[in-house]
Amino acid sequence: MLIRITSKRQVTLPKPVLEAMGVQPGDRIWLEEGPEGFVLRPHRIDLTKLGTLRDKIRRGRGTFDLRAFRDEPHDPTLRD
């Protein structure tokens, strides 16, 4: 698959590639160098590591559903 590089050194990945990786606008991907060349991998948050924050959440403040938050539409200018 041939991909063009812009004058700003940016690339646009085809939609079927991004769909196969399961990434959406605003998500991040890792570019890793390996012995055979470079590999793209979707960046995923390991939800099991968030359990260490359980004692730091104040009681009575409600719950926070990370999966629902990621599915909500957000202003793209607010993403880092």
PDB file of N, CA and C in Angstrom:
ATOM      1  N   MET A   1       0.852  -1.161   0.000  1.00  0.00           N
ATOM      2  CA  MET A   1       0.000   0.000   0.000  1.00  0.00           C
ATOM      3  C   MET A   1       0.906   1.236   0.000  1.00  0.00           C
ATOM      4  N   LEU A   2       0.687   2.120  -0.918  1.00  0.00           N
ATOM      5  CA  LEU A   2       1.496   3.321  -1.052  1.00  0.00           C
ATOM      6  C   LEU A   2       0.790   4.491  -0.372  1.00  0.00           C
ATOM      7  N   ILE A   3       1.506   5.201   0.498  1.00  0.00           N
ATOM      8  CA  ILE A   3       0.947   6.336   1.230  1.00  0.00           C
ATOM      9  C   ILE A   3       1.814   7.559   0.965  1.00  0.00           C
ATOM     10  N   ARG A   4       1.185   8.680   0.688  1.00  0.00           N
ATOM     11  CA  ARG A   4       1.904   9.927   0.386  1.00  0.00           C
ATOM     12  C   ARG A   4       2.272  10.667   1.682  1.00  0.00           C
ATOM     13  N   ILE A   5       3.436  11.294   1.674  1.00  0.00           N
ATOM     14  CA  ILE A   5       3.891  12.123   2.784  1.00  0.00           C
ATOM     15  C   ILE A   5       3.753  13.570   2.337  1.00  0.00           C
ATOM     16  N   THR A   6       3.093  14.398   3.181  1.00  0.00           N
ATOM     17  CA  THR A   6       2.871  15.801   2.831  1.00  0.00           C
ATOM     18  C   THR A   6       4.138  16.617   3.078  1.00  0.00           C
ATOM     19  N   SER A   7       4.106  17.888   2.696  1.00  0.00           N
ATOM     20  CA  SER A   7       5.251  18.771   2.915  1.00  0.00           C
ATOM     21  C   SER A   7       5.528  18.978   4.402  1.00  0.00           C
ATOM     22  N   LYS A   8       4.508  18.744   5.249  1.00  0.00           N
ATOM     23  CA  LYS A   8       4.680  18.855   6.701  1.00  0.00           C
ATOM     24  C   LYS A   8       5.047  17.509   7.329  1.00  0.00           C
ATOM     25  N   ARG A   9       5.383  16.540   6.476  1.00  0.00           N
ATOM     26  CA  ARG A   9       5.761  15.178   6.897  1.00  0.00           C
ATOM     27  C   ARG A   9       4.628  14.452   7.601  1.00  0.00           C
ATOM     28  N   GLN A  10       3.413  14.714   7.184  1.00  0.00           N
ATOM     29  CA  GLN A  10       2.246  14.039   7.733  1.00  0.00           C
ATOM     30  C   GLN A  10       1.776  12.976   6.757  1.00  0.00           C
ATOM     31  N   VAL A  11       1.135  11.946   7.293  1.00  0.00           N
ATOM     32  CA  VAL A  11       0.568  10.894   6.459  1.00  0.00           C
ATOM     33  C   VAL A  11      -0.889  10.685   6.850  1.00  0.00           C
ATOM     34  N   THR A  12      -1.689  10.235   5.906  1.00  0.00           N
ATOM     35  CA  THR A  12      -3.071   9.868   6.172  1.00  0.00           C
ATOM     36  C   THR A  12      -3.190   8.373   5.929  1.00  0.00           C
ATOM     37  N   LEU A  13      -3.589   7.648   6.969  1.00  0.00           N
ATOM     38  CA  LEU A  13      -3.763   6.207   6.823  1.00  0.00           C
ATOM     39  C   LEU A  13      -5.149   5.926   6.259  1.00  0.00           C
ATOM     40  N   PRO A  14      -5.254   4.983   5.335  1.00  0.00           N
ATOM     41  CA  PRO A  14      -6.556   4.659   4.753  1.00  0.00           C
ATOM     42  C   PRO A  14      -7.550   4.162   5.809  1.00  0.00           C
ATOM     43  N   LYS A  15      -8.814   4.452   5.581  1.00  0.00           N
ATOM     44  CA  LYS A  15      -9.882   4.081   6.504  1.00  0.00           C
ATOM     45  C   LYS A  15      -9.890   2.589   6.821  1.00  0.00           C
ATOM     46  N   PRO A  16      -9.736   1.685   5.826  1.00  0.00           N
ATOM     47  CA  PRO A  16      -9.744   0.252   6.161  1.00  0.00           C
ATOM     48  C   PRO A  16      -8.626  -0.154   7.120  1.00  0.00           C
ATOM     49  N   VAL A  17      -7.486   0.513   7.044  1.00  0.00           N
ATOM     50  CA  VAL A  17      -6.376   0.206   7.948  1.00  0.00           C
ATOM     51  C   VAL A  17      -6.747   0.610   9.369  1.00  0.00           C
ATOM     52  N   LEU A  18      -7.289   1.813   9.525  1.00  0.00           N
ATOM     53  CA  LEU A  18      -7.668   2.290  10.859  1.00  0.00           C
ATOM     54  C   LEU A  18      -8.812   1.468  11.445  1.00  0.00           C
ATOM     55  N   GLU A  19      -9.759   1.069  10.602  1.00  0.00           N
ATOM     56  CA  GLU A  19     -10.861   0.231  11.090  1.00  0.00           C
ATOM     57  C   GLU A  19     -10.340  -1.125  11.544  1.00  0.00           C
ATOM     58  N   ALA A  20      -9.402  -1.693  10.806  1.00  0.00           N
ATOM     59  CA  ALA A  20      -8.833  -2.990  11.187  1.00  0.00           C
ATOM     60  C   ALA A  20      -8.074  -2.894  12.509  1.00  0.00           C
ATOM     61  N   MET A  21      -7.468  -1.728  12.770  1.00  0.00           N
ATOM     62  CA  MET A  21      -6.746  -1.518  14.026  1.00  0.00           C
ATOM     63  C   MET A  21      -7.698  -1.182  15.168  1.00  0.00           C
ATOM     64  N   GLY A  22      -8.933  -0.798  14.844  1.00  0.00           N
ATOM     65  CA  GLY A  22      -9.913  -0.453  15.879  1.00  0.00           C
ATOM     66  C   GLY A  22      -9.678   0.917  16.487  1.00  0.00           C
ATOM     67  N   VAL A  23      -9.076   1.838  15.733  1.00  0.00           N
ATOM     68  CA  VAL A  23      -8.843   3.180  16.248  1.00  0.00           C
ATOM     69  C   VAL A  23      -9.833   4.157  15.636  1.00  0.00           C
ATOM     70  N   GLN A  24     -10.086   5.231  16.372  1.00  0.00           N
ATOM     71  CA  GLN A  24     -11.041   6.250  15.956  1.00  0.00           C
ATOM     72  C   GLN A  24     -10.361   7.613  16.036  1.00  0.00           C
ATOM     73  N   PRO A  25     -10.979   8.652  15.463  1.00  0.00           N
ATOM     74  CA  PRO A  25     -10.385   9.987  15.551  1.00  0.00           C
ATOM     75  C   PRO A  25     -10.091  10.368  17.008  1.00  0.00           C
ATOM     76  N   GLY A  26      -8.899  10.878  17.232  1.00  0.00           N
ATOM     77  CA  GLY A  26      -8.480  11.268  18.576  1.00  0.00           C
ATOM     78  C   GLY A  26      -7.703  10.194  19.308  1.00  0.00           C
ATOM     79  N   ASP A  27      -7.809   8.936  18.869  1.00  0.00           N
ATOM     80  CA  ASP A  27      -7.033   7.871  19.494  1.00  0.00           C
ATOM     81  C   ASP A  27      -5.565   8.029  19.113  1.00  0.00           C
ATOM     82  N   ARG A  28      -4.722   7.300  19.798  1.00  0.00           N
ATOM     83  CA  ARG A  28      -3.290   7.335  19.517  1.00  0.00           C
ATOM     84  C   ARG A  28      -2.822   5.958  19.075  1.00  0.00           C
ATOM     85  N   ILE A  29      -1.751   5.957  18.303  1.00  0.00           N
ATOM     86  CA  ILE A  29      -1.148   4.692  17.885  1.00  0.00           C
ATOM     87  C   ILE A  29       0.350   4.751  18.173  1.00  0.00           C
ATOM     88  N   TRP A  30       0.917   3.580  18.486  1.00  0.00           N
ATOM     89  CA  TRP A  30       2.350   3.450  18.717  1.00  0.00           C
ATOM     90  C   TRP A  30       3.026   3.112  17.398  1.00  0.00           C
ATOM     91  N   LEU A  31       4.170   3.697  17.156  1.00  0.00           N
ATOM     92  CA  LEU A  31       5.020   3.340  16.034  1.00  0.00           C
ATOM     93  C   LEU A  31       6.271   2.725  16.636  1.00  0.00           C
ATOM     94  N   GLU A  32       6.443   1.424  16.441  1.00  0.00           N
ATOM     95  CA  GLU A  32       7.564   0.708  17.048  1.00  0.00           C
ATOM     96  C   GLU A  32       8.507   0.219  15.964  1.00  0.00           C
ATOM     97  N   GLU A  33       9.790   0.342  16.233  1.00  0.00           N
ATOM     98  CA  GLU A  33      10.787  -0.167  15.303  1.00  0.00           C
ATOM     99  C   GLU A  33      11.126  -1.593  15.688  1.00  0.00           C
ATOM    100  N   GLY A  34      11.080  -2.478  14.716  1.00  0.00           N
ATOM    101  CA  GLY A  34      11.406  -3.876  14.938  1.00  0.00           C
ATOM    102  C   GLY A  34      12.461  -4.334  13.950  1.00  0.00           C
ATOM    103  N   PRO A  35      12.851  -5.592  14.025  1.00  0.00           N
ATOM    104  CA  PRO A  35      13.894  -6.103  13.135  1.00  0.00           C
ATOM    105  C   PRO A  35      13.475  -6.105  11.660  1.00  0.00           C
ATOM    106  N   GLU A  36      12.189  -6.205  11.407  1.00  0.00           N
ATOM    107  CA  GLU A  36      11.685  -6.246  10.030  1.00  0.00           C
ATOM    108  C   GLU A  36      11.260  -4.877   9.507  1.00  0.00           C
ATOM    109  N   GLY A  37      11.310  -3.850  10.352  1.00  0.00           N
ATOM    110  CA  GLY A  37      10.865  -2.517   9.963  1.00  0.00           C
ATOM    111  C   GLY A  37      10.013  -1.915  11.072  1.00  0.00           C
ATOM    112  N   PHE A  38       9.122  -1.011  10.694  1.00  0.00           N
ATOM    113  CA  PHE A  38       8.274  -0.342  11.671  1.00  0.00           C
ATOM    114  C   PHE A  38       6.900  -1.001  11.744  1.00  0.00           C
ATOM    115  N   VAL A  39       6.310  -0.988  12.953  1.00  0.00           N
ATOM    116  CA  VAL A  39       5.003  -1.599  13.192  1.00  0.00           C
ATOM    117  C   VAL A  39       4.109  -0.565  13.873  1.00  0.00           C
ATOM    118  N   LEU A  40       2.861  -0.441  13.411  1.00  0.00           N
ATOM    119  CA  LEU A  40       1.868   0.424  14.048  1.00  0.00           C
ATOM    120  C   LEU A  40       1.006  -0.421  14.969  1.00  0.00           C
ATOM    121  N   ARG A  41       0.803   0.064  16.186  1.00  0.00           N
ATOM    122  CA  ARG A  41      -0.059  -0.636  17.145  1.00  0.00           C
ATOM    123  C   ARG A  41      -0.978   0.390  17.803  1.00  0.00           C
ATOM    124  N   PRO A  42      -2.257   0.024  18.022  1.00  0.00           N
ATOM    125  CA  PRO A  42      -3.143   0.945  18.739  1.00  0.00           C
ATOM    126  C   PRO A  42      -2.693   1.078  20.189  1.00  0.00           C
ATOM    127  N   HIS A  43      -2.809   2.274  20.736  1.00  0.00           N
ATOM    128  CA  HIS A  43      -2.467   2.526  22.134  1.00  0.00           C
ATOM    129  C   HIS A  43      -3.716   2.294  22.967  1.00  0.00           C
ATOM    130  N   ARG A  44      -3.659   1.360  23.868  1.00  0.00           N
ATOM    131  CA  ARG A  44      -4.796   1.023  24.717  1.00  0.00           C
ATOM    132  C   ARG A  44      -4.468   1.325  26.171  1.00  0.00           C
ATOM    133  N   ILE A  45      -5.460   1.769  26.913  1.00  0.00           N
ATOM    134  CA  ILE A  45      -5.313   1.988  28.349  1.00  0.00           C
ATOM    135  C   ILE A  45      -5.609   0.668  29.051  1.00  0.00           C
ATOM    136  N   ASP A  46      -4.700   0.236  29.906  1.00  0.00           N
ATOM    137  CA  ASP A  46      -4.905  -0.984  30.678  1.00  0.00           C
ATOM    138  C   ASP A  46      -5.792  -0.635  31.866  1.00  0.00           C
ATOM    139  N   LEU A  47      -7.084  -0.982  31.758  1.00  0.00           N
ATOM    140  CA  LEU A  47      -8.053  -0.606  32.787  1.00  0.00           C
ATOM    141  C   LEU A  47      -7.765  -1.254  34.134  1.00  0.00           C
ATOM    142  N   THR A  48      -7.039  -2.385  34.154  1.00  0.00           N
ATOM    143  CA  THR A  48      -6.738  -3.042  35.430  1.00  0.00           C
ATOM    144  C   THR A  48      -5.776  -2.207  36.267  1.00  0.00           C
ATOM    145  N   LYS A  49      -4.961  -1.370  35.628  1.00  0.00           N
ATOM    146  CA  LYS A  49      -4.009  -0.536  36.366  1.00  0.00           C
ATOM    147  C   LYS A  49      -4.687   0.658  37.017  1.00  0.00           C
ATOM    148  N   LEU A  50      -5.926   0.950  36.646  1.00  0.00           N
ATOM    149  CA  LEU A  50      -6.632   2.070  37.245  1.00  0.00           C
ATOM    150  C   LEU A  50      -7.187   1.719  38.621  1.00  0.00           C
ATOM    151  N   GLY A  51      -7.174   0.447  38.974  1.00  0.00           N
ATOM    152  CA  GLY A  51      -7.685   0.010  40.270  1.00  0.00           C
ATOM    153  C   GLY A  51      -6.912   0.599  41.446  1.00  0.00           C
ATOM    154  N   THR A  52      -5.660   0.996  41.220  1.00  0.00           N
ATOM    155  CA  THR A  52      -4.863   1.563  42.314  1.00  0.00           C
ATOM    156  C   THR A  52      -5.377   2.933  42.733  1.00  0.00           C
ATOM    157  N   LEU A  53      -6.224   3.544  41.927  1.00  0.00           N
ATOM    158  CA  LEU A  53      -6.786   4.851  42.266  1.00  0.00           C
ATOM    159  C   LEU A  53      -8.043   4.740  43.135  1.00  0.00           C
ATOM    160  N   ARG A  54      -8.509   3.533  43.349  1.00  0.00           N
ATOM    161  CA  ARG A  54      -9.772   3.322  44.059  1.00  0.00           C
ATOM    162  C   ARG A  54      -9.806   4.012  45.417  1.00  0.00           C
ATOM    163  N   ASP A  55      -8.708   3.968  46.172  1.00  0.00           N
ATOM    164  CA  ASP A  55      -8.688   4.572  47.509  1.00  0.00           C
ATOM    165  C   ASP A  55      -8.562   6.095  47.459  1.00  0.00           C
ATOM    166  N   LYS A  56      -8.252   6.662  46.333  1.00  0.00           N
ATOM    167  CA  LYS A  56      -8.073   8.105  46.209  1.00  0.00           C
ATOM    168  C   LYS A  56      -9.353   8.828  45.792  1.00  0.00           C
ATOM    169  N   ILE A  57     -10.402   8.089  45.453  1.00  0.00           N
ATOM    170  CA  ILE A  57     -11.676   8.688  45.046  1.00  0.00           C
ATOM    171  C   ILE A  57     -12.511   8.940  46.292  1.00  0.00           C
ATOM    172  N   ARG A  58     -13.012  10.159  46.423  1.00  0.00           N
ATOM    173  CA  ARG A  58     -13.826  10.487  47.587  1.00  0.00           C
ATOM    174  C   ARG A  58     -15.192   9.815  47.490  1.00  0.00           C
ATOM    175  N   ARG A  59     -15.629   9.249  48.568  1.00  0.00           N
ATOM    176  CA  ARG A  59     -16.935   8.587  48.620  1.00  0.00           C
ATOM    177  C   ARG A  59     -18.042   9.609  48.475  1.00  0.00           C
ATOM    178  N   GLY A  60     -19.162   9.206  47.905  1.00  0.00           N
ATOM    179  CA  GLY A  60     -20.311  10.084  47.774  1.00  0.00           C
ATOM    180  C   GLY A  60     -20.233  11.005  46.570  1.00  0.00           C
ATOM    181  N   ARG A  61     -19.207  10.880  45.739  1.00  0.00           N
ATOM    182  CA  ARG A  61     -19.048  11.737  44.571  1.00  0.00           C
ATOM    183  C   ARG A  61     -19.580  11.065  43.304  1.00  0.00           C
ATOM    184  N   GLY A  62     -20.195   9.889  43.430  1.00  0.00           N
ATOM    185  CA  GLY A  62     -20.669   9.174  42.251  1.00  0.00           C
ATOM    186  C   GLY A  62     -19.557   8.322  41.666  1.00  0.00           C
ATOM    187  N   THR A  63     -19.866   7.694  40.558  1.00  0.00           N
ATOM    188  CA  THR A  63     -18.871   6.845  39.916  1.00  0.00           C
ATOM    189  C   THR A  63     -18.503   7.434  38.562  1.00  0.00           C
ATOM    190  N   PHE A  64     -17.393   7.007  38.061  1.00  0.00           N
ATOM    191  CA  PHE A  64     -16.915   7.466  36.765  1.00  0.00           C
ATOM    192  C   PHE A  64     -16.763   6.254  35.859  1.00  0.00           C
ATOM    193  N   ASP A  65     -17.510   6.229  34.763  1.00  0.00           N
ATOM    194  CA  ASP A  65     -17.453   5.124  33.813  1.00  0.00           C
ATOM    195  C   ASP A  65     -16.529   5.525  32.665  1.00  0.00           C
ATOM    196  N   LEU A  66     -15.300   5.007  32.690  1.00  0.00           N
ATOM    197  CA  LEU A  66     -14.305   5.369  31.686  1.00  0.00           C
ATOM    198  C   LEU A  66     -14.752   4.969  30.281  1.00  0.00           C
ATOM    199  N   ARG A  67     -15.337   3.793  30.149  1.00  0.00           N
ATOM    200  CA  ARG A  67     -15.787   3.345  28.815  1.00  0.00           C
ATOM    201  C   ARG A  67     -16.872   4.265  28.257  1.00  0.00           C
ATOM    202  N   ALA A  68     -17.817   4.678  29.071  1.00  0.00           N
ATOM    203  CA  ALA A  68     -18.868   5.590  28.615  1.00  0.00           C
ATOM    204  C   ALA A  68     -18.269   6.949  28.262  1.00  0.00           C
ATOM    205  N   PHE A  69     -17.293   7.395  29.050  1.00  0.00           N
ATOM    206  CA  PHE A  69     -16.640   8.676  28.784  1.00  0.00           C
ATOM    207  C   PHE A  69     -15.930   8.654  27.431  1.00  0.00           C
ATOM    208  N   ARG A  70     -15.242   7.547  27.116  1.00  0.00           N
ATOM    209  CA  ARG A  70     -14.539   7.446  25.829  1.00  0.00           C
ATOM    210  C   ARG A  70     -15.509   7.414  24.659  1.00  0.00           C
ATOM    211  N   ASP A  71     -16.721   6.909  24.858  1.00  0.00           N
ATOM    212  CA  ASP A  71     -17.696   6.817  23.775  1.00  0.00           C
ATOM    213  C   ASP A  71     -18.451   8.126  23.541  1.00  0.00           C
ATOM    214  N   GLU A  72     -18.404   9.047  24.508  1.00  0.00           N
ATOM    215  CA  GLU A  72     -19.116  10.331  24.356  1.00  0.00           C
ATOM    216  C   GLU A  72     -18.388  11.213  23.356  1.00  0.00           C
ATOM    217  N   PRO A  73     -19.140  11.994  22.577  1.00  0.00           N
ATOM    218  CA  PRO A  73     -18.478  12.939  21.673  1.00  0.00           C
ATOM    219  C   PRO A  73     -17.851  14.075  22.475  1.00  0.00           C
ATOM    220  N   HIS A  74     -16.642  14.459  22.110  1.00  0.00           N
ATOM    221  CA  HIS A  74     -15.928  15.525  22.800  1.00  0.00           C
ATOM    222  C   HIS A  74     -15.384  16.501  21.777  1.00  0.00           C
ATOM    223  N   ASP A  75     -15.139  17.703  22.219  1.00  0.00           N
ATOM    224  CA  ASP A  75     -14.539  18.731  21.363  1.00  0.00           C
ATOM    225  C   ASP A  75     -13.101  18.287  21.051  1.00  0.00           C
ATOM    226  N   PRO A  76     -12.736  18.059  19.783  1.00  0.00           N
ATOM    227  CA  PRO A  76     -11.398  17.572  19.456  1.00  0.00           C
ATOM    228  C   PRO A  76     -10.283  18.515  19.872  1.00  0.00           C
ATOM    229  N   THR A  77     -10.586  19.789  20.076  1.00  0.00           N
ATOM    230  CA  THR A  77      -9.543  20.721  20.502  1.00  0.00           C
ATOM    231  C   THR A  77      -9.146  20.507  21.950  1.00  0.00           C
ATOM    232  N   LEU A  78      -9.943  19.745  22.710  1.00  0.00           N
ATOM    233  CA  LEU A  78      -9.626  19.488  24.110  1.00  0.00           C
ATOM    234  C   LEU A  78      -8.697  18.298  24.288  1.00  0.00           C
ATOM    235  N   ARG A  79      -8.487  17.519  23.235  1.00  0.00           N
ATOM    236  CA  ARG A  79      -7.605  16.358  23.341  1.00  0.00           C
ATOM    237  C   ARG A  79      -6.153  16.795  23.349  1.00  0.00           C
ATOM    238  N   ASP A  80      -5.316  16.023  24.053  1.00  0.00           N
ATOM    239  CA  ASP A  80      -3.888  16.353  24.076  1.00  0.00           C
ATOM    240  C   ASP A  80      -3.165  15.689  22.948  1.00  0.00           C
TER     241      ASP A  80
END
